[in-house]
Amino acid sequence: MEGRSESRERISLLDIVPYFNDLLIEGESFMRIRLVLLYVMTSFFLIYSSISTCNAASVEFSAPEKTGLGEPFLVTFESKAELSGLEISWQERTFYPEVITRGEDYKAFLILGTDTKDVIPGIHLLKVRGQSVEEDVYFSWQIRVLEKTYPVEYLNVEVSMVTPPREVLSRIKREKIEIGQALDTDTSIRYWELPFSRPLEGDFTSTYGKRRFFNGLSRSRHGGVDIRAASGTTVKAVSDGTVILTGDHYFAGKSIYIDHGNGLVSMYFHLSRIDVVPGQRVRKGDRLALSGCTGRVTGPHLHFGVSVKGEMIDPVPLLNMDVEGFISRNRAMIFKP
């Protein structure tokens, strides 16, 4: 997976022609002149090769060599030449990160991760396709996903929130499809910036990844974090984006889903009031809602989660680290087609 780098010394014709003229003046043999002509032609070839090498596409890429199960990570791309058509394959999902220009550089950033529910620890392959200077860029990168132990949590809630009555099953099914479609959103424009701001101030009362037992029955792992908040506390957008779904859902209560671009969606559950509508653009720090106690809860709080095309990842690192912090965990390589 090591990058290929090469350079060649340029030879100027201005350095060669005087020798050719000297030979003609001195009356050198015809054979000697032919050799000089061959040297000139060779020099043209070397110059052309040198120019081609200098213009060849090269992409500086960084990604981690290992990551913990459930943890988000950052993948970066940078090129001096035009970079387009990036296609990233990870965990049987495909992403198309936006390429932006900063000065003379072409750059792209992508947040990825793994979900605790169905990913098997071990070596996983990240595949990259793109185009630079009319040449295809293609390479793959191995990431070792490490096992991570998460705690267990036991909660007692209303029986109907563990074993829903028959009359609400069609509603739950409909909401599941609706939410799945929202989480599969993949806008090509990147709106997010790191670090995210906190949706509200308060202590974390339940962390990501916990295996949860409701009334003694095992249910899915916790897909986000719970933040202590009295009912009526203002909930804010963690980054720029577009509201893609709001609703009063059976398990999550009053909820908001925001698309931040490149497959990244944030979600806010158990609200008492929603102050935004689908299609509305929001900025980092904008008021979205008021916290509450709706849905399957044991008390008032905010459930905050982040998904990468349906894969729930731990949102806390996104609140605590900037881009440079994530890059410091990566290994950088240079790839040429």
Protein backbone atom coordinates (compact mmCIF):
# COMPACT_ATOMS: atom_id res chain seq x y z
CA MET A 1 0.00 0.00 0.00
CA GLU A 2 3.04 2.26 -0.08
CA GLY A 3 2.83 5.21 -2.41
CA ARG A 4 4.96 5.49 -5.55
CA SER A 5 7.08 8.61 -5.88
CA GLU A 6 9.61 9.38 -8.54
CA SER A 7 11.42 12.35 -10.13
CA ARG A 8 13.68 12.91 -13.11
CA GLU A 9 16.25 15.59 -13.90
CA ARG A 10 15.27 17.92 -16.74
CA ILE A 11 17.76 18.42 -19.64
CA SER A 12 17.60 21.66 -21.59
CA LEU A 13 18.06 21.76 -25.39
CA LEU A 14 19.86 25.07 -24.92
CA ASP A 15 22.64 23.07 -23.27
CA ILE A 16 22.86 20.66 -26.23
CA VAL A 17 22.61 22.83 -29.36
CA PRO A 18 25.97 24.61 -28.79
CA TYR A 19 27.74 21.23 -28.83
CA PHE A 20 26.03 20.40 -32.09
CA ASN A 21 27.13 23.72 -33.64
CA ASP A 22 30.71 23.22 -32.42
CA LEU A 23 30.84 19.83 -34.07
CA LEU A 24 29.67 21.25 -37.42
CA ILE A 25 32.22 24.03 -37.25
CA GLU A 26 35.03 21.65 -36.39
CA GLY A 27 34.07 19.38 -39.33
CA GLU A 28 33.35 16.26 -37.31
CA SER A 29 32.42 13.10 -39.15
CA PHE A 30 28.91 12.36 -40.36
CA MET A 31 28.67 9.50 -37.88
CA ARG A 32 29.47 11.82 -34.98
CA ILE A 33 26.74 14.22 -36.13
CA ARG A 34 24.25 11.34 -36.23
CA LEU A 35 25.16 10.49 -32.64
CA VAL A 36 24.55 14.08 -31.58
CA LEU A 37 21.18 14.08 -33.35
CA LEU A 38 20.30 10.89 -31.47
CA TYR A 39 21.32 12.63 -28.26
CA VAL A 40 19.03 15.55 -29.09
CA MET A 41 16.09 13.22 -29.76
CA THR A 42 16.78 11.40 -26.51
CA SER A 43 16.81 14.73 -24.70
CA PHE A 44 13.36 15.56 -26.10
CA PHE A 45 12.11 12.24 -24.77
CA LEU A 46 13.59 12.91 -21.32
CA ILE A 47 12.04 16.37 -21.21
CA TYR A 48 8.63 14.98 -22.18
CA SER A 49 8.93 12.21 -19.59
CA SER A 50 9.92 14.73 -16.95
CA ILE A 51 6.92 16.94 -17.71
CA SER A 52 4.60 13.94 -17.68
CA THR A 53 5.95 12.87 -14.31
CA CYS A 54 5.51 16.34 -12.86
CA ASN A 55 1.92 16.50 -14.08
CA ALA A 56 1.04 12.96 -13.01
CA ALA A 57 -1.81 12.74 -10.51
CA SER A 58 -0.75 12.27 -6.90
CA VAL A 59 -3.12 12.15 -3.97
CA GLU A 60 -2.11 12.53 -0.35
CA PHE A 61 -4.42 10.34 1.68
CA SER A 62 -4.73 9.85 5.43
CA ALA A 63 -6.73 7.35 7.45
CA PRO A 64 -6.24 5.35 10.64
CA GLU A 65 -4.63 1.93 10.61
CA LYS A 66 -6.89 0.86 13.47
CA THR A 67 -10.08 2.03 15.17
CA GLY A 68 -12.25 0.83 18.03
CA LEU A 69 -15.64 -0.73 17.41
CA GLY A 70 -18.20 2.09 17.36
CA GLU A 71 -15.65 4.90 17.13
CA PRO A 72 -15.79 7.55 14.38
CA PHE A 73 -12.69 8.34 12.34
CA LEU A 74 -11.68 10.83 9.66
CA VAL A 75 -10.45 10.13 6.12
CA THR A 76 -8.75 12.98 4.21
CA PHE A 77 -7.65 13.60 0.63
CA GLU A 78 -5.42 16.34 -0.77
CA SER A 79 -4.03 16.94 -4.26
CA LYS A 80 -2.25 19.75 -6.09
CA ALA A 81 -3.94 18.62 -9.30
CA GLU A 82 -7.67 18.68 -9.89
CA LEU A 83 -9.39 15.89 -7.98
CA SER A 84 -12.92 14.78 -8.83
CA GLY A 85 -15.38 11.90 -8.74
CA LEU A 86 -14.27 10.52 -5.37
CA GLU A 87 -16.05 7.30 -4.48
CA ILE A 88 -15.33 5.67 -1.13
CA SER A 89 -16.51 2.17 -0.24
CA TRP A 90 -16.63 1.20 3.44
CA GLN A 91 -18.70 -1.39 5.27
CA GLU A 92 -20.77 -2.18 2.15
CA ARG A 93 -21.72 1.47 1.84
CA THR A 94 -20.61 3.97 -0.79
CA PHE A 95 -19.83 7.63 -0.14
CA TYR A 96 -19.18 10.54 -2.50
CA PRO A 97 -17.34 13.21 -0.48
CA GLU A 98 -17.35 16.78 -1.71
CA VAL A 99 -14.02 18.02 -3.09
CA ILE A 100 -13.32 21.64 -2.22
CA THR A 101 -10.54 24.00 -3.32
CA ARG A 102 -8.42 25.86 -0.80
CA GLY A 103 -5.83 28.00 -2.51
CA GLU A 104 -4.10 25.72 -5.01
CA ASP A 105 -5.10 22.53 -3.19
CA TYR A 106 -8.02 20.18 -3.76
CA LYS A 107 -9.26 18.65 -0.49
CA ALA A 108 -11.93 16.30 0.75
CA PHE A 109 -12.89 15.11 4.25
CA LEU A 110 -15.11 12.20 5.24
CA ILE A 111 -16.26 10.95 8.65
CA LEU A 112 -16.71 7.19 8.81
CA GLY A 113 -17.11 4.64 11.57
CA THR A 114 -18.46 1.26 12.60
CA ASP A 115 -21.62 0.27 14.41
CA THR A 116 -21.52 -1.98 17.47
CA LYS A 117 -24.54 -4.03 16.41
CA ASP A 118 -23.32 -6.08 13.47
CA VAL A 119 -19.66 -5.33 12.66
CA ILE A 120 -17.17 -8.14 13.29
CA PRO A 121 -13.78 -6.97 14.62
CA GLY A 122 -10.83 -7.63 12.30
CA ILE A 123 -9.36 -6.25 9.08
CA HIS A 124 -11.80 -4.23 6.98
CA LEU A 125 -11.05 -2.72 3.58
CA LEU A 126 -11.63 0.89 2.58
CA LYS A 127 -11.62 1.36 -1.20
CA VAL A 128 -11.00 4.64 -3.02
CA ARG A 129 -11.76 5.63 -6.59
CA GLY A 130 -11.41 9.04 -8.22
CA GLN A 131 -9.87 10.99 -11.06
CA SER A 132 -7.03 13.49 -11.22
CA VAL A 133 -5.52 15.07 -14.35
CA GLU A 134 -7.59 12.75 -16.54
CA GLU A 135 -6.07 9.71 -14.83
CA ASP A 136 -7.90 7.19 -12.66
CA VAL A 137 -6.99 7.06 -9.00
CA TYR A 138 -7.64 3.71 -7.35
CA PHE A 139 -6.28 2.16 -4.18
CA SER A 140 -7.41 0.37 -1.04
CA TRP A 141 -6.55 0.74 2.63
CA GLN A 142 -6.74 -1.79 5.45
CA ILE A 143 -8.20 -0.72 8.80
CA ARG A 144 -8.16 -3.03 11.79
CA VAL A 145 -11.41 -2.71 13.76
CA LEU A 146 -10.66 -3.56 17.38
CA GLU A 147 -13.06 -5.17 19.81
CA LYS A 148 -14.34 -2.73 22.44
CA THR A 149 -16.20 -3.61 25.60
CA TYR A 150 -19.23 -1.50 26.46
CA PRO A 151 -21.12 -1.59 29.76
CA VAL A 152 -24.54 -3.07 30.41
CA GLU A 153 -27.52 -0.99 31.55
CA TYR A 154 -30.78 -2.13 33.18
CA LEU A 155 -33.85 0.09 32.91
CA ASN A 156 -37.48 -0.19 33.94
CA VAL A 157 -40.11 1.41 31.70
CA GLU A 158 -43.79 0.96 30.92
CA VAL A 159 -44.60 -2.54 29.67
CA SER A 160 -46.04 -1.10 26.44
CA MET A 161 -42.61 0.34 25.64
CA VAL A 162 -41.01 -3.09 25.76
CA THR A 163 -43.82 -5.18 24.29
CA PRO A 164 -45.94 -2.77 22.23
CA PRO A 165 -49.65 -3.55 21.85
CA ARG A 166 -50.80 -4.94 18.54
CA GLU A 167 -52.62 -1.76 17.51
CA VAL A 168 -49.35 0.25 17.35
CA LEU A 169 -47.25 -2.31 15.45
CA SER A 170 -48.17 -0.89 12.04
CA ARG A 171 -47.23 2.58 13.29
CA ILE A 172 -43.86 1.33 14.54
CA LYS A 173 -43.20 -0.38 11.21
CA ARG A 174 -44.10 2.75 9.26
CA GLU A 175 -41.87 4.91 11.45
CA LYS A 176 -38.98 2.47 11.08
CA ILE A 177 -39.13 2.75 7.28
CA GLU A 178 -39.40 6.54 7.46
CA ILE A 179 -36.42 6.81 9.82
CA GLY A 180 -34.38 4.37 7.73
CA GLN A 181 -34.88 6.53 4.65
CA ALA A 182 -33.77 9.62 6.58
CA LEU A 183 -30.64 7.90 7.88
CA ASP A 184 -29.73 6.78 4.37
CA THR A 185 -29.56 10.42 3.18
CA ASP A 186 -26.27 11.15 1.39
CA THR A 187 -26.02 14.78 0.28
CA SER A 188 -22.87 15.41 -1.76
CA ILE A 189 -22.23 18.83 -0.16
CA ARG A 190 -20.42 18.78 3.18
CA TYR A 191 -21.99 21.14 5.73
CA TRP A 192 -20.36 19.84 8.92
CA GLU A 193 -17.29 21.25 10.63
CA LEU A 194 -15.41 19.80 13.59
CA PRO A 195 -15.71 19.89 16.48
CA PHE A 196 -19.49 19.78 16.80
CA SER A 197 -20.99 22.06 19.43
CA ARG A 198 -22.94 20.46 22.27
CA PRO A 199 -26.70 20.28 21.69
CA LEU A 200 -27.14 21.46 25.29
CA GLU A 201 -25.14 21.65 28.49
CA GLY A 202 -25.48 18.81 30.96
CA ASP A 203 -23.87 15.61 32.17
CA PHE A 204 -23.89 12.42 30.15
CA THR A 205 -26.17 10.02 31.99
CA SER A 206 -25.85 7.13 29.53
CA THR A 207 -23.02 6.56 27.09
CA TYR A 208 -22.91 5.12 23.59
CA GLY A 209 -22.76 1.37 22.99
CA LYS A 210 -24.35 0.13 26.22
CA ARG A 211 -26.16 -3.17 25.98
CA ARG A 212 -29.60 -2.33 27.34
CA PHE A 213 -32.11 -4.44 29.23
CA PHE A 214 -35.62 -3.01 29.52
CA ASN A 215 -37.65 -4.66 32.27
CA GLY A 216 -35.11 -7.48 32.21
CA LEU A 217 -35.40 -8.08 28.45
CA SER A 218 -32.40 -7.54 26.18
CA ARG A 219 -32.84 -4.90 23.48
CA SER A 220 -30.52 -3.16 21.01
CA ARG A 221 -27.41 -1.34 22.14
CA HIS A 222 -27.62 2.35 22.92
CA GLY A 223 -27.05 4.17 19.63
CA GLY A 224 -26.17 7.56 21.11
CA VAL A 225 -25.70 9.37 24.40
CA ASP A 226 -28.20 10.65 26.96
CA ILE A 227 -27.65 14.14 28.35
CA ARG A 228 -29.30 15.30 31.56
CA ALA A 229 -31.75 18.13 30.86
CA ALA A 230 -34.85 19.41 32.60
CA SER A 231 -37.93 19.60 30.39
CA GLY A 232 -37.98 22.84 28.44
CA THR A 233 -34.19 23.19 28.01
CA THR A 234 -33.18 24.65 24.63
CA VAL A 235 -31.72 22.10 22.20
CA LYS A 236 -29.33 23.44 19.54
CA ALA A 237 -27.94 22.19 16.21
CA VAL A 238 -24.46 20.73 16.60
CA SER A 239 -23.39 21.81 13.09
CA ASP A 240 -24.75 23.31 9.87
CA GLY A 241 -27.24 21.21 7.96
CA THR A 242 -30.77 20.65 6.71
CA VAL A 243 -33.68 19.25 8.72
CA ILE A 244 -34.77 16.07 6.91
CA LEU A 245 -37.29 14.57 9.34
CA THR A 246 -39.34 15.56 12.36
CA GLY A 247 -42.02 13.56 14.09
CA ASP A 248 -43.58 12.13 17.22
CA HIS A 249 -42.31 8.55 17.13
CA TYR A 250 -43.36 5.69 19.35
CA PHE A 251 -39.98 4.92 20.94
CA ALA A 252 -38.04 8.16 20.39
CA GLY A 253 -40.90 10.55 21.11
CA LYS A 254 -40.73 13.98 19.49
CA SER A 255 -37.65 13.78 17.27
CA ILE A 256 -35.50 15.74 14.82
CA TYR A 257 -33.07 14.43 12.18
CA ILE A 258 -30.55 16.78 10.51
CA ASP A 259 -28.51 16.03 7.37
CA HIS A 260 -24.96 17.42 7.61
CA GLY A 261 -23.78 16.08 4.25
CA ASN A 262 -21.74 13.08 3.06
CA GLY A 263 -24.00 10.61 4.87
CA LEU A 264 -23.70 12.24 8.31
CA VAL A 265 -27.01 12.69 10.18
CA SER A 266 -27.54 13.93 13.75
CA MET A 267 -30.66 13.14 15.78
CA TYR A 268 -32.37 14.57 18.86
CA PHE A 269 -35.00 12.51 20.77
CA HIS A 270 -37.57 12.78 23.59
CA LEU A 271 -38.29 16.46 22.91
CA SER A 272 -41.22 18.35 24.40
CA ARG A 273 -41.48 20.80 21.50
CA ILE A 274 -40.10 21.00 17.94
CA ASP A 275 -39.31 24.44 16.49
CA VAL A 276 -38.07 23.47 12.99
CA VAL A 277 -39.62 21.85 9.92
CA PRO A 278 -38.28 19.44 7.25
CA GLY A 279 -36.36 21.27 4.54
CA GLN A 280 -35.26 24.06 6.86
CA ARG A 281 -31.57 25.03 6.77
CA VAL A 282 -29.99 25.43 10.19
CA ARG A 283 -26.68 26.79 11.38
CA LYS A 284 -24.47 25.50 14.16
CA GLY A 285 -25.95 26.69 17.45
CA ASP A 286 -29.43 27.43 16.08
CA ARG A 287 -32.34 26.57 18.35
CA LEU A 288 -34.12 23.38 17.26
CA ALA A 289 -36.45 22.40 20.08
CA LEU A 290 -37.01 22.04 23.80
CA SER A 291 -35.97 18.92 25.68
CA GLY A 292 -38.61 16.74 27.24
CA CYS A 293 -39.79 13.33 28.35
CA THR A 294 -41.61 11.82 25.36
CA GLY A 295 -41.27 8.28 24.02
CA ARG A 296 -39.52 5.45 25.86
CA VAL A 297 -37.86 7.22 28.79
CA THR A 298 -37.35 6.94 32.53
CA GLY A 299 -37.20 10.73 32.99
CA PRO A 300 -36.56 13.99 31.15
CA HIS A 301 -33.35 14.10 29.12
CA LEU A 302 -32.02 14.51 25.58
CA HIS A 303 -30.92 11.54 23.53
CA PHE A 304 -28.31 12.73 21.00
CA GLY A 305 -27.00 10.47 18.27
CA VAL A 306 -25.00 10.55 15.03
CA SER A 307 -25.30 8.15 12.12
CA VAL A 308 -23.13 7.52 9.05
CA LYS A 309 -25.57 6.21 6.42
CA GLY A 310 -27.51 4.29 9.03
CA GLU A 311 -24.54 3.14 11.12
CA MET A 312 -24.75 4.60 14.62
CA ILE A 313 -21.38 5.86 15.84
CA ASP A 314 -20.22 7.30 19.14
CA PRO A 315 -20.93 11.06 18.88
CA VAL A 316 -18.72 12.16 21.80
CA PRO A 317 -15.41 12.29 19.87
CA LEU A 318 -17.10 14.60 17.34
CA LEU A 319 -17.92 16.98 20.19
CA ASN A 320 -14.40 16.91 21.61
CA MET A 321 -12.00 16.86 18.64
CA ASP A 322 -11.25 19.12 15.69
CA VAL A 323 -10.01 17.98 12.27
CA GLU A 324 -6.35 18.18 13.28
CA GLY A 325 -7.05 16.02 16.31
CA PHE A 326 -8.51 13.27 14.13
CA ILE A 327 -5.71 13.61 11.54
CA SER A 328 -3.09 13.17 14.29
CA ARG A 329 -4.40 9.62 14.71
CA ASN A 330 -4.03 8.86 11.00
CA ARG A 331 -1.23 7.63 8.80
CA ALA A 332 -0.61 9.71 5.68
CA MET A 333 0.41 8.20 2.33
CA ILE A 334 0.90 9.52 -1.21
CA PHE A 335 -0.63 7.51 -4.05
CA LYS A 336 -0.05 7.83 -7.79
CA PRO A 337 -1.91 6.01 -10.55
